[in-house]
């Protein structure tokens, strides 16, 4: 059972597929097949919302990490 769907599949990508696509785009490793599926069957608003949420989570994680390091350094 594969997690990737056929680009000719008319069914839109699910939430997990959108999350994995956005993660792959963050890392720059998106496959051509998944990119075609996203552009043909996905709604851009779904990808934009997931991308914004993931960007906010990344910022919160980085701020938390910096605060933790500064706290442990005694600053």
PDB file of N, CA and C in Angstrom:
ATOM      1  N   UNK A   1       0.848  -1.175   0.000  1.00  0.00           N
ATOM      2  CA  UNK A   1       0.000   0.000   0.000  1.00  0.00           C
ATOM      3  C   UNK A   1       0.891   1.234   0.000  1.00  0.00           C
ATOM      4  N   UNK A   2       0.750   2.070  -1.000  1.00  0.00           N
ATOM      5  CA  UNK A   2       1.580   3.260  -1.093  1.00  0.00           C
ATOM      6  C   UNK A   2       0.824   4.477  -0.604  1.00  0.00           C
ATOM      7  N   UNK A   3       1.571   5.449  -0.133  1.00  0.00           N
ATOM      8  CA  UNK A   3       0.980   6.682   0.373  1.00  0.00           C
ATOM      9  C   UNK A   3       0.822   7.718  -0.729  1.00  0.00           C
ATOM     10  N   UNK A   4       1.449   7.464  -1.891  1.00  0.00           N
ATOM     11  CA  UNK A   4       1.384   8.413  -2.990  1.00  0.00           C
ATOM     12  C   UNK A   4       0.337   7.951  -3.976  1.00  0.00           C
ATOM     13  N   UNK A   5      -0.368   8.916  -4.559  1.00  0.00           N
ATOM     14  CA  UNK A   5      -1.423   8.569  -5.498  1.00  0.00           C
ATOM     15  C   UNK A   5      -0.975   8.853  -6.915  1.00  0.00           C
ATOM     16  N   UNK A   6      -1.702   8.317  -7.854  1.00  0.00           N
ATOM     17  CA  UNK A   6      -1.445   8.509  -9.269  1.00  0.00           C
ATOM     18  C   UNK A   6      -1.858   9.925  -9.663  1.00  0.00           C
ATOM     19  N   UNK A   7      -1.041  10.655 -10.465  1.00  0.00           N
ATOM     20  CA  UNK A   7      -1.429  12.010 -10.854  1.00  0.00           C
ATOM     21  C   UNK A   7      -2.730  12.053 -11.650  1.00  0.00           C
ATOM     22  N   UNK A   8      -3.110  10.972 -12.326  1.00  0.00           N
ATOM     23  CA  UNK A   8      -4.350  10.948 -13.086  1.00  0.00           C
ATOM     24  C   UNK A   8      -5.550  10.624 -12.203  1.00  0.00           C
ATOM     25  N   UNK A   9      -5.323  10.330 -10.939  1.00  0.00           N
ATOM     26  CA  UNK A   9      -6.406  10.032 -10.006  1.00  0.00           C
ATOM     27  C   UNK A   9      -7.216  11.310  -9.777  1.00  0.00           C
ATOM     28  N   UNK A  10      -8.546  11.301 -10.062  1.00  0.00           N
ATOM     29  CA  UNK A  10      -9.333  12.525  -9.941  1.00  0.00           C
ATOM     30  C   UNK A  10      -9.597  12.946  -8.495  1.00  0.00           C
ATOM     31  N   UNK A  11      -9.306  12.072  -7.539  1.00  0.00           N
ATOM     32  CA  UNK A  11      -9.566  12.377  -6.137  1.00  0.00           C
ATOM     33  C   UNK A  11      -8.557  13.413  -5.633  1.00  0.00           C
ATOM     34  N   UNK A  12      -9.023  14.469  -4.964  1.00  0.00           N
ATOM     35  CA  UNK A  12      -8.083  15.473  -4.451  1.00  0.00           C
ATOM     36  C   UNK A  12      -7.233  14.893  -3.323  1.00  0.00           C
ATOM     37  N   UNK A  13      -6.038  15.440  -3.119  1.00  0.00           N
ATOM     38  CA  UNK A  13      -5.165  14.928  -2.062  1.00  0.00           C
ATOM     39  C   UNK A  13      -5.758  15.170  -0.682  1.00  0.00           C
ATOM     40  N   UNK A  14      -5.511  14.229   0.215  1.00  0.00           N
ATOM     41  CA  UNK A  14      -5.992  14.346   1.586  1.00  0.00           C
ATOM     42  C   UNK A  14      -5.087  15.240   2.421  1.00  0.00           C
ATOM     43  N   UNK A  15      -5.473  15.424   3.665  1.00  0.00           N
ATOM     44  CA  UNK A  15      -4.737  16.320   4.559  1.00  0.00           C
ATOM     45  C   UNK A  15      -3.291  15.864   4.750  1.00  0.00           C
ATOM     46  N   UNK A  16      -3.079  14.570   4.970  1.00  0.00           N
ATOM     47  CA  UNK A  16      -1.711  14.079   5.158  1.00  0.00           C
ATOM     48  C   UNK A  16      -0.874  14.273   3.905  1.00  0.00           C
ATOM     49  N   UNK A  17      -1.466  14.057   2.743  1.00  0.00           N
ATOM     50  CA  UNK A  17      -0.733  14.263   1.498  1.00  0.00           C
ATOM     51  C   UNK A  17      -0.367  15.733   1.324  1.00  0.00           C
ATOM     52  N   UNK A  18      -1.255  16.628   1.727  1.00  0.00           N
ATOM     53  CA  UNK A  18      -0.963  18.062   1.645  1.00  0.00           C
ATOM     54  C   UNK A  18       0.174  18.413   2.603  1.00  0.00           C
ATOM     55  N   UNK A  19       0.120  17.874   3.817  1.00  0.00           N
ATOM     56  CA  UNK A  19       1.174  18.143   4.798  1.00  0.00           C
ATOM     57  C   UNK A  19       2.515  17.625   4.292  1.00  0.00           C
ATOM     58  N   UNK A  20       2.544  16.395   3.752  1.00  0.00           N
ATOM     59  CA  UNK A  20       3.791  15.844   3.229  1.00  0.00           C
ATOM     60  C   UNK A  20       4.292  16.646   2.030  1.00  0.00           C
ATOM     61  N   UNK A  21       3.388  17.129   1.199  1.00  0.00           N
ATOM     62  CA  UNK A  21       3.791  17.946   0.053  1.00  0.00           C
ATOM     63  C   UNK A  21       4.413  19.261   0.506  1.00  0.00           C
ATOM     64  N   UNK A  22       3.817  19.881   1.521  1.00  0.00           N
ATOM     65  CA  UNK A  22       4.360  21.144   2.025  1.00  0.00           C
ATOM     66  C   UNK A  22       5.709  20.899   2.700  1.00  0.00           C
ATOM     67  N   UNK A  23       5.833  19.810   3.463  1.00  0.00           N
ATOM     68  CA  UNK A  23       7.123  19.476   4.071  1.00  0.00           C
ATOM     69  C   UNK A  23       8.187  19.248   3.006  1.00  0.00           C
ATOM     70  N   UNK A  24       7.824  18.517   1.958  1.00  0.00           N
ATOM     71  CA  UNK A  24       8.768  18.269   0.867  1.00  0.00           C
ATOM     72  C   UNK A  24       9.160  19.575   0.188  1.00  0.00           C
ATOM     73  N   UNK A  25       8.210  20.479   0.038  1.00  0.00           N
ATOM     74  CA  UNK A  25       8.511  21.782  -0.561  1.00  0.00           C
ATOM     75  C   UNK A  25       9.431  22.593   0.355  1.00  0.00           C
ATOM     76  N   UNK A  26       9.224  22.511   1.666  1.00  0.00           N
ATOM     77  CA  UNK A  26      10.104  23.200   2.614  1.00  0.00           C
ATOM     78  C   UNK A  26      11.542  22.714   2.448  1.00  0.00           C
ATOM     79  N   UNK A  27      11.690  21.399   2.255  1.00  0.00           N
ATOM     80  CA  UNK A  27      13.020  20.801   2.145  1.00  0.00           C
ATOM     81  C   UNK A  27      13.552  20.801   0.718  1.00  0.00           C
ATOM     82  N   UNK A  28      12.695  21.083  -0.253  1.00  0.00           N
ATOM     83  CA  UNK A  28      13.116  21.120  -1.650  1.00  0.00           C
ATOM     84  C   UNK A  28      13.281  19.757  -2.281  1.00  0.00           C
ATOM     85  N   UNK A  29      12.528  18.764  -1.818  1.00  0.00           N
ATOM     86  CA  UNK A  29      12.679  17.404  -2.337  1.00  0.00           C
ATOM     87  C   UNK A  29      11.375  16.849  -2.914  1.00  0.00           C
ATOM     88  N   UNK A  30      10.493  17.704  -3.362  1.00  0.00           N
ATOM     89  CA  UNK A  30       9.197  17.277  -3.907  1.00  0.00           C
ATOM     90  C   UNK A  30       9.400  16.501  -5.207  1.00  0.00           C
ATOM     91  N   UNK A  31       8.764  15.341  -5.334  1.00  0.00           N
ATOM     92  CA  UNK A  31       8.864  14.566  -6.569  1.00  0.00           C
ATOM     93  C   UNK A  31       7.998  15.196  -7.656  1.00  0.00           C
ATOM     94  N   UNK A  32       8.383  14.950  -8.892  1.00  0.00           N
ATOM     95  CA  UNK A  32       7.643  15.503 -10.031  1.00  0.00           C
ATOM     96  C   UNK A  32       6.207  14.986 -10.044  1.00  0.00           C
ATOM     97  N   UNK A  33       6.025  13.712  -9.723  1.00  0.00           N
ATOM     98  CA  UNK A  33       4.685  13.109  -9.732  1.00  0.00           C
ATOM     99  C   UNK A  33       3.774  13.767  -8.697  1.00  0.00           C
ATOM    100  N   UNK A  34       4.293  13.978  -7.498  1.00  0.00           N
ATOM    101  CA  UNK A  34       3.481  14.625  -6.461  1.00  0.00           C
ATOM    102  C   UNK A  34       3.210  16.084  -6.794  1.00  0.00           C
ATOM    103  N   UNK A  35       4.188  16.756  -7.380  1.00  0.00           N
ATOM    104  CA  UNK A  35       3.988  18.154  -7.762  1.00  0.00           C
ATOM    105  C   UNK A  35       2.883  18.265  -8.805  1.00  0.00           C
ATOM    106  N   UNK A  36       2.885  17.360  -9.776  1.00  0.00           N
ATOM    107  CA  UNK A  36       1.825  17.357 -10.795  1.00  0.00           C
ATOM    108  C   UNK A  36       0.464  17.093 -10.160  1.00  0.00           C
ATOM    109  N   UNK A  37       0.412  16.146  -9.227  1.00  0.00           N
ATOM    110  CA  UNK A  37      -0.844  15.848  -8.539  1.00  0.00           C
ATOM    111  C   UNK A  37      -1.348  17.071  -7.789  1.00  0.00           C
ATOM    112  N   UNK A  38      -0.433  17.754  -7.102  1.00  0.00           N
ATOM    113  CA  UNK A  38      -0.814  18.931  -6.322  1.00  0.00           C
ATOM    114  C   UNK A  38      -1.385  20.022  -7.212  1.00  0.00           C
ATOM    115  N   UNK A  39      -0.745  20.274  -8.355  1.00  0.00           N
ATOM    116  CA  UNK A  39      -1.204  21.342  -9.241  1.00  0.00           C
ATOM    117  C   UNK A  39      -2.475  20.969  -9.988  1.00  0.00           C
ATOM    118  N   UNK A  40      -2.677  19.687 -10.279  1.00  0.00           N
ATOM    119  CA  UNK A  40      -3.854  19.274 -11.042  1.00  0.00           C
ATOM    120  C   UNK A  40      -5.090  19.106 -10.173  1.00  0.00           C
ATOM    121  N   UNK A  41      -4.927  18.575  -8.972  1.00  0.00           N
ATOM    122  CA  UNK A  41      -6.101  18.194  -8.179  1.00  0.00           C
ATOM    123  C   UNK A  41      -6.220  18.920  -6.846  1.00  0.00           C
ATOM    124  N   UNK A  42      -5.171  19.597  -6.416  1.00  0.00           N
ATOM    125  CA  UNK A  42      -5.225  20.266  -5.119  1.00  0.00           C
ATOM    126  C   UNK A  42      -5.714  21.698  -5.237  1.00  0.00           C
ATOM    127  N   UNK A  43      -6.241  22.203  -4.135  1.00  0.00           N
ATOM    128  CA  UNK A  43      -6.665  23.607  -4.075  1.00  0.00           C
ATOM    129  C   UNK A  43      -5.532  24.415  -3.454  1.00  0.00           C
ATOM    130  N   UNK A  44      -5.206  25.526  -4.078  1.00  0.00           N
ATOM    131  CA  UNK A  44      -4.067  26.319  -3.613  1.00  0.00           C
ATOM    132  C   UNK A  44      -4.268  26.838  -2.189  1.00  0.00           C
ATOM    133  N   UNK A  45      -5.505  27.145  -1.826  1.00  0.00           N
ATOM    134  CA  UNK A  45      -5.749  27.663  -0.478  1.00  0.00           C
ATOM    135  C   UNK A  45      -5.366  26.647   0.595  1.00  0.00           C
ATOM    136  N   UNK A  46      -5.572  25.357   0.327  1.00  0.00           N
ATOM    137  CA  UNK A  46      -5.197  24.328   1.300  1.00  0.00           C
ATOM    138  C   UNK A  46      -3.691  24.340   1.533  1.00  0.00           C
ATOM    139  N   UNK A  47      -2.931  24.439   0.450  1.00  0.00           N
ATOM    140  CA  UNK A  47      -1.471  24.434   0.565  1.00  0.00           C
ATOM    141  C   UNK A  47      -0.966  25.715   1.228  1.00  0.00           C
ATOM    142  N   UNK A  48      -1.596  26.831   0.931  1.00  0.00           N
ATOM    143  CA  UNK A  48      -1.189  28.104   1.535  1.00  0.00           C
ATOM    144  C   UNK A  48      -1.442  28.085   3.036  1.00  0.00           C
ATOM    145  N   UNK A  49      -2.614  27.604   3.450  1.00  0.00           N
ATOM    146  CA  UNK A  49      -2.948  27.551   4.878  1.00  0.00           C
ATOM    147  C   UNK A  49      -2.000  26.611   5.616  1.00  0.00           C
ATOM    148  N   UNK A  50      -1.769  25.417   5.066  1.00  0.00           N
ATOM    149  CA  UNK A  50      -0.857  24.466   5.711  1.00  0.00           C
ATOM    150  C   UNK A  50       0.556  25.046   5.748  1.00  0.00           C
ATOM    151  N   UNK A  51       0.979  25.704   4.682  1.00  0.00           N
ATOM    152  CA  UNK A  51       2.303  26.324   4.652  1.00  0.00           C
ATOM    153  C   UNK A  51       2.452  27.414   5.699  1.00  0.00           C
ATOM    154  N   UNK A  52       1.429  28.242   5.859  1.00  0.00           N
ATOM    155  CA  UNK A  52       1.478  29.296   6.878  1.00  0.00           C
ATOM    156  C   UNK A  52       1.523  28.710   8.286  1.00  0.00           C
ATOM    157  N   UNK A  53       0.715  27.684   8.527  1.00  0.00           N
ATOM    158  CA  UNK A  53       0.713  27.037   9.847  1.00  0.00           C
ATOM    159  C   UNK A  53       2.078  26.424  10.138  1.00  0.00           C
ATOM    160  N   UNK A  54       2.653  25.742   9.150  1.00  0.00           N
ATOM    161  CA  UNK A  54       3.960  25.116   9.358  1.00  0.00           C
ATOM    162  C   UNK A  54       5.054  26.167   9.545  1.00  0.00           C
ATOM    163  N   UNK A  55       4.944  27.295   8.864  1.00  0.00           N
ATOM    164  CA  UNK A  55       5.911  28.377   9.040  1.00  0.00           C
ATOM    165  C   UNK A  55       5.816  28.944  10.456  1.00  0.00           C
ATOM    166  N   UNK A  56       4.593  29.155  10.937  1.00  0.00           N
ATOM    167  CA  UNK A  56       4.414  29.642  12.309  1.00  0.00           C
ATOM    168  C   UNK A  56       4.960  28.645  13.329  1.00  0.00           C
ATOM    169  N   UNK A  57       4.722  27.347  13.100  1.00  0.00           N
ATOM    170  CA  UNK A  57       5.256  26.326  14.007  1.00  0.00           C
ATOM    171  C   UNK A  57       6.780  26.331  14.008  1.00  0.00           C
ATOM    172  N   UNK A  58       7.384  26.522  12.844  1.00  0.00           N
ATOM    173  CA  UNK A  58       8.841  26.591  12.755  1.00  0.00           C
ATOM    174  C   UNK A  58       9.372  27.794  13.528  1.00  0.00           C
ATOM    175  N   UNK A  59       8.723  28.931  13.390  1.00  0.00           N
ATOM    176  CA  UNK A  59       9.152  30.141  14.103  1.00  0.00           C
ATOM    177  C   UNK A  59       9.023  29.950  15.612  1.00  0.00           C
ATOM    178  N   UNK A  60       7.900  29.394  16.056  1.00  0.00           N
ATOM    179  CA  UNK A  60       7.695  29.147  17.492  1.00  0.00           C
ATOM    180  C   UNK A  60       8.744  28.173  18.019  1.00  0.00           C
ATOM    181  N   UNK A  61       9.045  27.126  17.261  1.00  0.00           N
ATOM    182  CA  UNK A  61      10.054  26.153  17.684  1.00  0.00           C
ATOM    183  C   UNK A  61      11.436  26.801  17.774  1.00  0.00           C
ATOM    184  N   UNK A  62      11.786  27.637  16.805  1.00  0.00           N
ATOM    185  CA  UNK A  62      13.091  28.304  16.839  1.00  0.00           C
ATOM    186  C   UNK A  62      13.190  29.291  17.995  1.00  0.00           C
ATOM    187  N   UNK A  63      12.143  30.050  18.248  1.00  0.00           N
ATOM    188  CA  UNK A  63      12.145  30.986  19.381  1.00  0.00           C
ATOM    189  C   UNK A  63      12.266  30.209  20.687  1.00  0.00           C
ATOM    190  N   UNK A  64      11.537  29.112  20.811  1.00  0.00           N
ATOM    191  CA  UNK A  64      11.632  28.288  22.014  1.00  0.00           C
ATOM    192  C   UNK A  64      13.019  27.701  22.201  1.00  0.00           C
ATOM    193  N   UNK A  65      13.631  27.261  21.116  1.00  0.00           N
ATOM    194  CA  UNK A  65      14.982  26.705  21.189  1.00  0.00           C
ATOM    195  C   UNK A  65      15.989  27.772  21.609  1.00  0.00           C
ATOM    196  N   UNK A  66      15.884  28.960  21.059  1.00  0.00           N
ATOM    197  CA  UNK A  66      16.788  30.056  21.431  1.00  0.00           C
ATOM    198  C   UNK A  66      16.598  30.418  22.899  1.00  0.00           C
ATOM    199  N   UNK A  67      15.360  30.489  23.360  1.00  0.00           N
ATOM    200  CA  UNK A  67      15.106  30.800  24.774  1.00  0.00           C
ATOM    201  C   UNK A  67      15.687  29.718  25.681  1.00  0.00           C
ATOM    202  N   UNK A  68      15.555  28.463  25.285  1.00  0.00           N
ATOM    203  CA  UNK A  68      16.101  27.357  26.071  1.00  0.00           C
ATOM    204  C   UNK A  68      17.621  27.441  26.145  1.00  0.00           C
ATOM    205  N   UNK A  69      18.259  27.714  25.027  1.00  0.00           N
ATOM    206  CA  UNK A  69      19.720  27.826  25.007  1.00  0.00           C
ATOM    207  C   UNK A  69      20.181  29.017  25.839  1.00  0.00           C
ATOM    208  N   UNK A  70      19.505  30.146  25.698  1.00  0.00           N
ATOM    209  CA  UNK A  70      19.883  31.322  26.486  1.00  0.00           C
ATOM    210  C   UNK A  70      19.668  31.091  27.977  1.00  0.00           C
ATOM    211  N   UNK A  71      18.591  30.402  28.321  1.00  0.00           N
ATOM    212  CA  UNK A  71      18.315  30.106  29.731  1.00  0.00           C
ATOM    213  C   UNK A  71      19.382  29.177  30.304  1.00  0.00           C
ATOM    214  N   UNK A  72      19.747  28.151  29.564  1.00  0.00           N
ATOM    215  CA  UNK A  72      20.750  27.210  30.063  1.00  0.00           C
ATOM    216  C   UNK A  72      22.146  27.836  30.085  1.00  0.00           C
ATOM    217  N   UNK A  73      22.368  28.890  29.278  1.00  0.00           N
ATOM    218  CA  UNK A  73      23.651  29.591  29.295  1.00  0.00           C
ATOM    219  C   UNK A  73      23.700  30.632  30.415  1.00  0.00           C
ATOM    220  N   UNK A  74      22.565  30.876  31.058  1.00  0.00           N
ATOM    221  CA  UNK A  74      22.519  31.823  32.162  1.00  0.00           C
ATOM    222  C   UNK A  74      22.375  33.268  31.728  1.00  0.00           C
ATOM    223  N   UNK A  75      21.928  33.478  30.526  1.00  0.00           N
ATOM    224  CA  UNK A  75      21.768  34.854  30.025  1.00  0.00           C
ATOM    225  C   UNK A  75      20.396  35.359  30.351  1.00  0.00           C
TER     226      UNK A  75
END
